[in-house]
């Protein structure tokens, strides 16, 4: 039988995944996530870290968490004079 703490963590993981799946484009900082799901700081950190480690979430440069929705290829255009590739605008 699972310990109550482990069961609670699994429920929280399922709930957080569900929220990100139900709301495409959801972007939360850790303090926002703590308030939204009423989590203790250490538990919130652990849950978000696990979802990042599993590839479900991505942490942006500014510290927000977003769902990984699949990579989109970078559009590339050739510069005629040098033949170098540069990102398209």
N, C-alpha and C. Protein backbone atom coordinates (compact mmCIF):
# COMPACT_ATOMS: atom_id res chain seq x y z
N UNK A 1 0.84 -1.19 0.00
CA UNK A 1 0.00 0.00 0.00
C UNK A 1 0.88 1.24 0.00
N UNK A 2 0.50 2.23 -0.80
CA UNK A 2 1.27 3.47 -0.88
C UNK A 2 1.10 4.32 0.36
N UNK A 3 2.16 5.03 0.67
CA UNK A 3 2.10 5.97 1.79
C UNK A 3 1.22 7.15 1.39
N UNK A 4 0.50 7.75 2.33
CA UNK A 4 -0.36 8.89 2.01
C UNK A 4 0.39 10.04 1.34
N UNK A 5 1.62 10.30 1.76
CA UNK A 5 2.39 11.40 1.17
C UNK A 5 2.67 11.14 -0.31
N UNK A 6 3.04 9.90 -0.66
CA UNK A 6 3.30 9.55 -2.05
C UNK A 6 2.02 9.67 -2.87
N UNK A 7 0.92 9.22 -2.30
CA UNK A 7 -0.37 9.30 -2.98
C UNK A 7 -0.73 10.76 -3.24
N UNK A 8 -0.52 11.62 -2.27
CA UNK A 8 -0.84 13.04 -2.41
C UNK A 8 0.01 13.67 -3.52
N UNK A 9 1.29 13.32 -3.54
CA UNK A 9 2.18 13.87 -4.57
C UNK A 9 1.72 13.46 -5.96
N UNK A 10 1.34 12.20 -6.12
CA UNK A 10 0.85 11.73 -7.42
C UNK A 10 -0.42 12.48 -7.82
N UNK A 11 -1.30 12.72 -6.86
CA UNK A 11 -2.52 13.48 -7.14
C UNK A 11 -2.19 14.90 -7.58
N UNK A 12 -1.22 15.51 -6.93
CA UNK A 12 -0.82 16.87 -7.29
C UNK A 12 -0.19 16.89 -8.68
N UNK A 13 0.67 15.93 -8.97
CA UNK A 13 1.27 15.84 -10.30
C UNK A 13 0.19 15.72 -11.37
N UNK A 14 -0.78 14.87 -11.13
CA UNK A 14 -1.88 14.66 -12.07
C UNK A 14 -2.69 15.96 -12.25
N UNK A 15 -2.93 16.66 -11.15
CA UNK A 15 -3.69 17.91 -11.20
C UNK A 15 -2.94 18.98 -11.98
N UNK A 16 -1.65 19.13 -11.72
CA UNK A 16 -0.85 20.15 -12.40
C UNK A 16 -0.78 19.84 -13.91
N UNK A 17 -0.53 18.57 -14.25
CA UNK A 17 -0.52 18.18 -15.66
C UNK A 17 -1.86 18.52 -16.32
N UNK A 18 -2.93 18.19 -15.62
CA UNK A 18 -4.28 18.45 -16.13
C UNK A 18 -4.52 19.93 -16.40
N UNK A 19 -4.08 20.78 -15.48
CA UNK A 19 -4.26 22.23 -15.66
C UNK A 19 -3.52 22.72 -16.90
N UNK A 20 -2.28 22.27 -17.08
CA UNK A 20 -1.51 22.69 -18.25
C UNK A 20 -2.10 22.14 -19.54
N UNK A 21 -2.68 20.94 -19.50
CA UNK A 21 -3.31 20.37 -20.69
C UNK A 21 -4.62 21.07 -21.03
N UNK A 22 -5.38 21.45 -20.00
CA UNK A 22 -6.67 22.09 -20.22
C UNK A 22 -6.54 23.54 -20.65
N UNK A 23 -5.43 24.17 -20.32
CA UNK A 23 -5.25 25.59 -20.64
C UNK A 23 -3.99 25.78 -21.48
N UNK A 24 -4.08 25.54 -22.78
CA UNK A 24 -2.90 25.74 -23.63
C UNK A 24 -2.39 27.17 -23.48
N UNK A 25 -1.09 27.30 -23.42
CA UNK A 25 -0.51 28.63 -23.26
C UNK A 25 -0.36 29.06 -21.81
N UNK A 26 -0.79 28.21 -20.86
CA UNK A 26 -0.63 28.55 -19.45
C UNK A 26 0.84 28.76 -19.14
N UNK A 27 1.12 29.84 -18.46
CA UNK A 27 2.50 30.21 -18.14
C UNK A 27 2.49 30.70 -16.70
N UNK A 28 3.18 29.99 -15.82
CA UNK A 28 3.17 30.32 -14.41
C UNK A 28 4.58 30.39 -13.85
N UNK A 29 4.80 31.35 -12.97
CA UNK A 29 6.04 31.36 -12.20
C UNK A 29 5.81 30.43 -11.00
N UNK A 30 6.89 30.10 -10.32
CA UNK A 30 6.72 29.22 -9.16
C UNK A 30 5.83 29.85 -8.08
N UNK A 31 5.99 31.12 -7.75
CA UNK A 31 5.08 31.70 -6.75
C UNK A 31 3.61 31.67 -7.20
N UNK A 32 3.36 31.88 -8.48
CA UNK A 32 1.98 31.79 -8.99
C UNK A 32 1.44 30.37 -8.87
N UNK A 33 2.27 29.39 -9.19
CA UNK A 33 1.87 27.98 -9.08
C UNK A 33 1.57 27.63 -7.63
N UNK A 34 2.40 28.09 -6.71
CA UNK A 34 2.15 27.83 -5.28
C UNK A 34 0.80 28.37 -4.85
N UNK A 35 0.49 29.59 -5.28
CA UNK A 35 -0.80 30.19 -4.90
C UNK A 35 -1.97 29.46 -5.57
N UNK A 36 -1.83 29.15 -6.86
CA UNK A 36 -2.91 28.51 -7.60
C UNK A 36 -3.29 27.16 -7.00
N UNK A 37 -2.28 26.36 -6.66
CA UNK A 37 -2.55 25.02 -6.15
C UNK A 37 -2.38 24.89 -4.64
N UNK A 38 -2.16 26.01 -3.95
CA UNK A 38 -2.03 26.03 -2.48
C UNK A 38 -1.00 25.00 -2.00
N UNK A 39 0.20 25.08 -2.57
CA UNK A 39 1.26 24.13 -2.23
C UNK A 39 2.33 24.78 -1.37
N UNK A 40 2.93 23.97 -0.52
CA UNK A 40 4.10 24.42 0.24
C UNK A 40 5.24 24.64 -0.74
N UNK A 41 6.14 25.60 -0.47
CA UNK A 41 7.23 25.88 -1.40
C UNK A 41 8.05 24.67 -1.80
N UNK A 42 8.43 23.82 -0.85
CA UNK A 42 9.28 22.68 -1.19
C UNK A 42 8.55 21.67 -2.06
N UNK A 43 7.27 21.45 -1.80
CA UNK A 43 6.49 20.52 -2.61
C UNK A 43 6.27 21.07 -4.01
N UNK A 44 5.98 22.36 -4.11
CA UNK A 44 5.78 22.98 -5.42
C UNK A 44 7.06 22.88 -6.26
N UNK A 45 8.19 23.17 -5.64
CA UNK A 45 9.48 23.07 -6.34
C UNK A 45 9.70 21.65 -6.84
N UNK A 46 9.43 20.67 -5.98
CA UNK A 46 9.64 19.27 -6.34
C UNK A 46 8.73 18.85 -7.50
N UNK A 47 7.48 19.25 -7.47
CA UNK A 47 6.53 18.89 -8.51
C UNK A 47 6.92 19.52 -9.84
N UNK A 48 7.21 20.81 -9.83
CA UNK A 48 7.60 21.49 -11.07
C UNK A 48 8.90 20.93 -11.62
N UNK A 49 9.85 20.65 -10.75
CA UNK A 49 11.12 20.08 -11.18
C UNK A 49 10.91 18.71 -11.82
N UNK A 50 10.07 17.89 -11.22
CA UNK A 50 9.80 16.56 -11.79
C UNK A 50 9.16 16.67 -13.17
N UNK A 51 8.24 17.62 -13.34
CA UNK A 51 7.58 17.79 -14.64
C UNK A 51 8.54 18.34 -15.69
N UNK A 52 9.50 19.15 -15.27
CA UNK A 52 10.54 19.61 -16.20
C UNK A 52 11.45 18.45 -16.56
N UNK A 53 11.88 17.71 -15.55
CA UNK A 53 12.79 16.56 -15.78
C UNK A 53 12.15 15.51 -16.68
N UNK A 54 10.83 15.34 -16.59
CA UNK A 54 10.11 14.37 -17.42
C UNK A 54 9.80 14.89 -18.81
N UNK A 55 10.11 16.16 -19.07
CA UNK A 55 9.88 16.72 -20.38
C UNK A 55 8.48 17.23 -20.63
N UNK A 56 7.66 17.30 -19.58
CA UNK A 56 6.30 17.80 -19.74
C UNK A 56 6.27 19.32 -19.71
N UNK A 57 7.08 19.92 -18.84
CA UNK A 57 7.17 21.37 -18.73
C UNK A 57 8.55 21.84 -19.15
N UNK A 58 8.61 23.11 -19.47
CA UNK A 58 9.86 23.78 -19.80
C UNK A 58 9.93 25.02 -18.92
N UNK A 59 11.12 25.30 -18.39
CA UNK A 59 11.30 26.52 -17.61
C UNK A 59 11.95 27.56 -18.52
N UNK A 60 11.30 28.71 -18.65
CA UNK A 60 11.78 29.76 -19.54
C UNK A 60 12.92 30.54 -18.88
N UNK A 61 13.56 31.38 -19.66
CA UNK A 61 14.66 32.17 -19.12
C UNK A 61 14.24 33.06 -17.97
N UNK A 62 12.99 33.52 -18.00
CA UNK A 62 12.52 34.40 -16.93
C UNK A 62 11.92 33.62 -15.75
N UNK A 63 12.06 32.29 -15.78
CA UNK A 63 11.65 31.48 -14.64
C UNK A 63 10.22 30.97 -14.68
N UNK A 64 9.49 31.24 -15.75
CA UNK A 64 8.12 30.75 -15.86
C UNK A 64 8.12 29.30 -16.35
N UNK A 65 7.05 28.61 -16.04
CA UNK A 65 6.88 27.22 -16.47
C UNK A 65 5.79 27.18 -17.54
N UNK A 66 6.09 26.51 -18.64
CA UNK A 66 5.15 26.35 -19.75
C UNK A 66 5.17 24.89 -20.19
N UNK A 67 4.08 24.47 -20.82
CA UNK A 67 4.01 23.09 -21.30
C UNK A 67 4.80 22.95 -22.58
N UNK A 68 5.52 21.87 -22.71
CA UNK A 68 6.23 21.55 -23.94
C UNK A 68 5.19 21.00 -24.90
N UNK A 69 4.98 21.72 -26.00
CA UNK A 69 3.93 21.32 -26.95
C UNK A 69 4.50 20.79 -28.25
N UNK A 70 5.78 20.49 -28.27
CA UNK A 70 6.41 20.00 -29.49
C UNK A 70 7.28 21.09 -30.08
N UNK A 71 8.38 20.68 -30.61
CA UNK A 71 9.32 21.64 -31.18
C UNK A 71 8.82 22.12 -32.53
N UNK A 72 8.97 23.40 -32.76
CA UNK A 72 8.67 23.95 -34.07
C UNK A 72 9.99 24.29 -34.74
N UNK A 73 10.15 23.90 -35.99
CA UNK A 73 11.43 24.15 -36.65
C UNK A 73 11.68 25.65 -36.82
N UNK A 74 12.91 26.01 -36.70
CA UNK A 74 13.34 27.38 -36.91
C UNK A 74 13.38 27.64 -38.40
N UNK A 75 12.72 28.71 -38.83
CA UNK A 75 12.76 29.06 -40.25
C UNK A 75 14.12 29.66 -40.55
N UNK A 76 14.72 29.19 -41.61
CA UNK A 76 16.06 29.63 -41.97
C UNK A 76 16.03 30.18 -43.39
N UNK A 77 16.76 31.26 -43.58
CA UNK A 77 16.84 31.82 -44.92
C UNK A 77 18.31 32.04 -45.26
N UNK A 78 18.65 31.80 -46.48
CA UNK A 78 20.04 31.97 -46.92
C UNK A 78 20.30 33.41 -47.32
N UNK A 79 21.48 33.88 -46.94
CA UNK A 79 21.93 35.20 -47.36
C UNK A 79 22.74 34.99 -48.63
N UNK A 80 22.29 35.51 -49.77
CA UNK A 80 22.94 35.22 -51.05
C UNK A 80 24.43 35.54 -51.10
N UNK A 81 24.84 36.63 -50.51
CA UNK A 81 26.24 37.04 -50.65
C UNK A 81 27.21 36.13 -49.89
N UNK A 82 26.80 35.57 -48.77
CA UNK A 82 27.72 34.76 -47.96
C UNK A 82 27.36 33.29 -47.95
N UNK A 83 26.12 32.96 -48.27
CA UNK A 83 25.69 31.58 -48.20
C UNK A 83 25.42 31.12 -46.77
N UNK A 84 25.62 32.01 -45.81
CA UNK A 84 25.36 31.66 -44.41
C UNK A 84 23.87 31.60 -44.15
N UNK A 85 23.51 30.82 -43.16
CA UNK A 85 22.10 30.72 -42.77
C UNK A 85 21.86 31.69 -41.62
N UNK A 86 20.73 32.38 -41.68
CA UNK A 86 20.33 33.27 -40.58
C UNK A 86 18.89 32.99 -40.27
N UNK A 87 18.45 33.18 -39.02
CA UNK A 87 17.04 32.99 -38.70
C UNK A 87 16.19 33.98 -39.45
N UNK A 88 15.06 33.51 -39.96
CA UNK A 88 14.13 34.39 -40.66
C UNK A 88 13.36 35.20 -39.65
N UNK A 89 13.00 36.40 -40.02
CA UNK A 89 12.24 37.28 -39.12
C UNK A 89 10.78 36.95 -39.14
